[in-house]
Amino acid sequence: MTDQNTEQLIEHFVGALRPVVPLVSVWAHGSLAGGDYQPGRSDLDLIAVLARPCTAAEERQLGEMHRNLGSVTPLASKLHCSYPVVTALADPAQPHLTWAHEELMHRPVTPVTRRELHVFGLVLHGRSPAGLLPPVTDGQLADFIVKDLKSFWLPALDHPEWWTRDIWIDLGLLTLARATATLRDGGLITKADALGVLTELGAPADVVDDIRQRRYGVPDAPTEQWIARRAELTLVFLGSAIEQVIREAGTCQ
């Protein structure tokens, strides 16, 4: 569910986007589409499909449009949108123009995002994902998840300074839980469900509760001691847990 401010932002965004780029469709995925959206806390994960690549002038206008959204509502800082060209949607590894973390960059529309769009994606404008986006096989999805754990999350554990930040704690643990669930049965779970999976996996209870309070409750201001302890507990748990998930995935192939 969304609140009025989020609905107004989305409506304003789609309306502002149409004169700037050759727009075919706008879709939502992530928490907004999956029913676990928390206003002011969750990101707004969007895909805007284009009929052709942006020109240099259109790209500049696009960046300016995104920056101007901040004058509409502070929620705009959480709006992330990829801009794939309709003819380039077939390759999951193809990077596309993307607005994220308040800047333009290029990154792919991952197999996880693609599966989300097919299972519960919201159509905000234009045609549905079913008519434009090739489906993702279970094998493609599993291969991507294992590769992501191996090539991104395991090496990230070698940087303990990163894990003093809320975002690394949240993304690292929730990604592990959701990866575990998907590799088990091919399904997709919400972040709320992922907290339950973390408990089943033996994640530190205080850290799981810390995530729950920041996402769904009223968190206390953390002390420096807790931030350091939380990072230590998370790193110890994630190291063995990720390796276990990778081993189990290998035995199933």
Protein backbone atom coordinates (compact mmCIF):
# COMPACT_ATOMS: atom_id res chain seq x y z
CA MET A 1 0.00 0.00 0.00
CA THR A 2 1.06 3.57 -0.59
CA ASP A 3 0.27 6.79 1.20
CA GLN A 4 -1.00 9.99 -0.37
CA ASN A 5 2.46 11.58 -0.59
CA THR A 6 3.85 8.56 -2.43
CA GLU A 7 0.92 8.47 -4.83
CA GLN A 8 1.35 12.17 -5.56
CA LEU A 9 5.08 11.70 -6.18
CA ILE A 10 4.48 8.84 -8.61
CA GLU A 11 1.79 10.77 -10.47
CA HIS A 12 4.04 13.83 -10.68
CA PHE A 13 7.00 11.70 -11.78
CA VAL A 14 5.15 9.98 -14.64
CA GLY A 15 3.67 13.28 -15.78
CA ALA A 16 7.05 15.02 -15.73
CA LEU A 17 8.75 12.11 -17.50
CA ARG A 18 6.46 11.87 -20.54
CA PRO A 19 7.62 15.12 -22.24
CA VAL A 20 11.30 14.40 -21.55
CA VAL A 21 11.88 10.88 -22.89
CA PRO A 22 10.24 8.56 -25.49
CA LEU A 23 8.24 6.68 -22.86
CA VAL A 24 6.66 3.27 -23.49
CA SER A 25 5.88 1.99 -19.97
CA VAL A 26 6.55 2.66 -16.30
CA TRP A 27 6.58 -0.26 -13.86
CA ALA A 28 7.12 -0.59 -10.11
CA HIS A 29 8.87 -3.52 -8.44
CA GLY A 30 10.41 -4.05 -5.00
CA SER A 31 8.50 -3.22 -1.81
CA LEU A 32 6.03 -0.90 -3.54
CA ALA A 33 4.81 -3.67 -5.83
CA GLY A 34 5.28 -6.53 -3.36
CA GLY A 35 3.00 -5.11 -0.66
CA ASP A 36 5.70 -4.34 1.93
CA TYR A 37 6.17 -0.64 1.21
CA GLN A 38 6.88 1.57 4.24
CA PRO A 39 6.37 5.28 3.43
CA GLY A 40 9.47 7.31 4.15
CA ARG A 41 11.59 4.20 4.75
CA SER A 42 11.30 2.05 1.63
CA ASP A 43 12.87 2.88 -1.71
CA LEU A 44 10.64 3.49 -4.72
CA ASP A 45 11.97 1.04 -7.31
CA LEU A 46 10.79 1.87 -10.83
CA ILE A 47 11.50 0.87 -14.43
CA ALA A 48 10.72 3.25 -17.30
CA VAL A 49 10.91 1.54 -20.69
CA LEU A 50 11.92 3.77 -23.58
CA ALA A 51 11.23 3.46 -27.31
CA ARG A 52 14.83 4.45 -28.13
CA PRO A 53 17.98 5.59 -26.30
CA CYS A 54 18.01 9.09 -24.84
CA THR A 55 19.90 11.78 -26.70
CA ALA A 56 22.53 13.73 -24.79
CA ALA A 57 20.08 16.61 -24.39
CA GLU A 58 17.33 14.29 -23.14
CA GLU A 59 19.72 12.72 -20.66
CA ARG A 60 20.56 16.15 -19.24
CA GLN A 61 16.86 16.97 -19.01
CA LEU A 62 16.22 13.66 -17.29
CA GLY A 63 18.83 14.34 -14.62
CA GLU A 64 17.41 17.82 -14.07
CA MET A 65 13.89 16.44 -13.79
CA HIS A 66 14.97 13.97 -11.10
CA ARG A 67 16.79 16.65 -9.15
CA ASN A 68 13.74 18.90 -9.32
CA LEU A 69 11.55 16.17 -7.83
CA GLY A 70 13.15 16.96 -4.49
CA SER A 71 11.19 20.22 -4.43
CA VAL A 72 7.96 18.19 -4.63
CA THR A 73 8.63 15.92 -1.64
CA PRO A 74 11.60 14.56 0.35
CA LEU A 75 10.45 11.09 -0.73
CA ALA A 76 12.04 11.83 -4.12
CA SER A 77 15.46 10.97 -2.66
CA LYS A 78 14.27 7.37 -2.39
CA LEU A 79 13.03 7.15 -5.98
CA HIS A 80 15.29 4.99 -8.19
CA CYS A 81 14.48 4.35 -11.84
CA SER A 82 16.17 2.41 -14.65
CA TYR A 83 15.57 3.42 -18.27
CA PRO A 84 15.99 0.36 -20.53
CA VAL A 85 15.29 0.68 -24.24
CA VAL A 86 12.57 -1.74 -25.32
CA THR A 87 14.86 -3.41 -27.89
CA ALA A 88 17.55 -4.04 -25.23
CA LEU A 89 15.37 -5.82 -22.67
CA ALA A 90 16.34 -9.35 -23.69
CA ASP A 91 19.80 -9.39 -22.09
CA PRO A 92 19.78 -9.40 -18.25
CA ALA A 93 23.44 -8.36 -18.22
CA GLN A 94 22.91 -5.26 -20.37
CA PRO A 95 23.47 -2.05 -18.36
CA HIS A 96 20.85 0.68 -18.75
CA LEU A 97 20.71 4.35 -17.89
CA THR A 98 19.61 4.54 -14.25
CA TRP A 99 18.85 7.24 -11.70
CA ALA A 100 19.86 6.00 -8.24
CA HIS A 101 21.22 7.62 -5.11
CA GLU A 102 20.55 11.01 -6.70
CA GLU A 103 22.76 10.58 -9.76
CA LEU A 104 22.70 9.04 -13.24
CA MET A 105 24.63 5.82 -13.77
CA HIS A 106 24.36 2.60 -15.81
CA ARG A 107 23.39 -0.77 -14.36
CA PRO A 108 21.43 -3.85 -15.47
CA VAL A 109 17.87 -4.84 -14.70
CA THR A 110 18.73 -7.99 -12.76
CA PRO A 111 17.03 -11.38 -13.00
CA VAL A 112 15.58 -10.81 -9.51
CA THR A 113 13.98 -7.55 -10.63
CA ARG A 114 12.75 -9.21 -13.82
CA ARG A 115 11.12 -12.02 -11.86
CA GLU A 116 9.50 -9.49 -9.51
CA LEU A 117 8.07 -7.60 -12.47
CA HIS A 118 6.54 -10.76 -13.92
CA VAL A 119 5.15 -12.02 -10.59
CA PHE A 120 3.80 -8.82 -9.00
CA GLY A 121 5.00 -5.78 -10.95
CA LEU A 122 2.72 -2.74 -10.97
CA VAL A 123 1.94 -1.02 -14.25
CA LEU A 124 1.99 2.74 -13.67
CA HIS A 125 1.89 3.70 -17.35
CA GLY A 126 1.72 1.93 -20.71
CA ARG A 127 2.12 -1.75 -21.46
CA SER A 128 2.65 -4.55 -18.92
CA PRO A 129 5.93 -6.45 -18.37
CA ALA A 130 4.37 -9.61 -19.81
CA GLY A 131 4.24 -8.04 -23.26
CA LEU A 132 7.75 -6.60 -23.31
CA LEU A 133 10.06 -8.34 -20.84
CA PRO A 134 11.38 -11.86 -21.53
CA PRO A 135 10.66 -14.27 -18.65
CA VAL A 136 13.40 -15.44 -16.29
CA THR A 137 13.94 -19.17 -15.86
CA ASP A 138 14.51 -20.69 -12.43
CA GLY A 139 18.03 -21.59 -13.53
CA GLN A 140 18.84 -18.03 -14.59
CA LEU A 141 17.50 -16.71 -11.31
CA ALA A 142 19.46 -19.19 -9.20
CA ASP A 143 22.68 -18.60 -11.15
CA PHE A 144 22.40 -14.85 -10.64
CA ILE A 145 21.72 -15.17 -6.90
CA VAL A 146 24.69 -17.47 -6.30
CA LYS A 147 26.98 -15.28 -8.40
CA ASP A 148 25.86 -12.19 -6.48
CA LEU A 149 26.59 -13.86 -3.14
CA LYS A 150 30.01 -15.04 -4.35
CA SER A 151 31.23 -12.01 -6.23
CA PHE A 152 29.68 -9.15 -4.24
CA TRP A 153 28.58 -10.09 -0.75
CA LEU A 154 31.43 -12.39 0.26
CA PRO A 155 34.12 -9.86 -0.78
CA ALA A 156 32.15 -7.11 1.01
CA LEU A 157 32.79 -8.90 4.29
CA ASP A 158 36.47 -7.96 3.93
CA HIS A 159 35.52 -4.31 4.54
CA PRO A 160 34.33 -4.19 8.16
CA GLU A 161 34.11 -0.40 8.09
CA TRP A 162 31.19 -0.64 5.65
CA TRP A 163 29.15 -2.65 8.14
CA THR A 164 28.82 0.17 10.64
CA ARG A 165 26.14 1.63 8.34
CA ASP A 166 22.46 0.68 8.58
CA ILE A 167 22.15 0.11 4.86
CA TRP A 168 24.83 -2.58 4.79
CA ILE A 169 23.33 -4.41 7.75
CA ASP A 170 19.86 -4.31 6.22
CA LEU A 171 20.78 -5.20 2.65
CA GLY A 172 23.32 -7.86 3.59
CA LEU A 173 21.09 -9.81 5.95
CA LEU A 174 17.86 -9.38 4.00
CA THR A 175 19.56 -10.34 0.73
CA LEU A 176 20.86 -13.52 2.36
CA ALA A 177 17.42 -14.45 3.67
CA ARG A 178 15.65 -13.74 0.40
CA ALA A 179 18.33 -15.58 -1.57
CA THR A 180 17.91 -18.59 0.71
CA ALA A 181 14.15 -18.65 0.21
CA THR A 182 14.37 -18.28 -3.57
CA LEU A 183 17.02 -20.97 -3.96
CA ARG A 184 14.90 -23.35 -1.90
CA ASP A 185 11.68 -23.12 -3.90
CA GLY A 186 12.00 -20.43 -6.59
CA GLY A 187 9.63 -18.06 -4.80
CA LEU A 188 10.08 -14.42 -3.86
CA ILE A 189 9.52 -13.17 -0.32
CA THR A 190 9.05 -9.72 1.21
CA LYS A 191 11.49 -8.10 3.61
CA ALA A 192 9.03 -8.79 6.42
CA ASP A 193 9.10 -12.50 5.57
CA ALA A 194 12.89 -12.34 5.28
CA LEU A 195 13.14 -11.38 8.96
CA GLY A 196 11.50 -14.69 9.82
CA VAL A 197 13.92 -16.57 7.58
CA LEU A 198 16.85 -14.87 9.32
CA THR A 199 15.58 -16.18 12.64
CA GLU A 200 15.35 -19.69 11.18
CA LEU A 201 18.92 -19.38 9.92
CA GLY A 202 20.19 -18.47 13.37
CA ALA A 203 20.98 -14.80 12.73
CA PRO A 204 21.73 -12.77 15.86
CA ALA A 205 18.35 -11.98 17.41
CA ASP A 206 19.35 -8.47 18.52
CA VAL A 207 20.44 -7.58 14.99
CA VAL A 208 17.24 -8.96 13.44
CA ASP A 209 15.21 -6.94 15.94
CA ASP A 210 17.31 -3.87 15.11
CA ILE A 211 16.31 -4.18 11.43
CA ARG A 212 12.67 -4.79 12.34
CA GLN A 213 12.49 -1.69 14.54
CA ARG A 214 14.10 0.57 11.93
CA ARG A 215 11.80 -0.68 9.18
CA TYR A 216 8.52 -1.18 11.03
CA GLY A 217 8.82 0.36 14.50
CA VAL A 218 10.22 3.34 16.36
CA PRO A 219 13.96 2.73 16.75
CA ASP A 220 16.10 4.09 19.55
CA ALA A 221 19.15 6.16 18.65
CA PRO A 222 22.03 3.64 18.43
CA THR A 223 25.11 3.98 20.62
CA GLU A 224 28.62 3.71 19.19
CA GLN A 225 29.04 0.51 21.19
CA TRP A 226 25.95 -1.05 19.63
CA ILE A 227 26.96 -0.02 16.09
CA ALA A 228 30.35 -1.72 16.55
CA ARG A 229 28.83 -4.81 18.18
CA ARG A 230 26.13 -5.07 15.52
CA ALA A 231 28.78 -5.02 12.77
CA GLU A 232 30.81 -7.71 14.53
CA LEU A 233 27.80 -9.99 15.03
CA THR A 234 26.67 -9.54 11.43
CA LEU A 235 30.07 -10.23 9.89
CA VAL A 236 30.56 -13.42 11.90
CA PHE A 237 27.11 -14.70 10.99
CA LEU A 238 27.13 -13.71 7.31
CA GLY A 239 30.49 -15.26 6.53
CA SER A 240 29.43 -18.80 7.42
CA ALA A 241 25.81 -18.34 6.33
CA ILE A 242 26.65 -17.18 2.80
CA GLU A 243 29.14 -19.99 2.32
CA GLN A 244 26.50 -22.49 3.48
CA VAL A 245 23.93 -21.17 1.00
CA ILE A 246 26.47 -21.39 -1.83
CA ARG A 247 27.38 -24.97 -0.88
CA GLU A 248 23.75 -26.02 -0.76
CA ALA A 249 23.07 -24.41 -4.14
CA GLY A 250 26.01 -26.31 -5.62
CA THR A 251 24.71 -29.68 -4.42
CA CYS A 252 21.34 -28.99 -6.04
CA GLN A 253 22.76 -28.32 -9.51
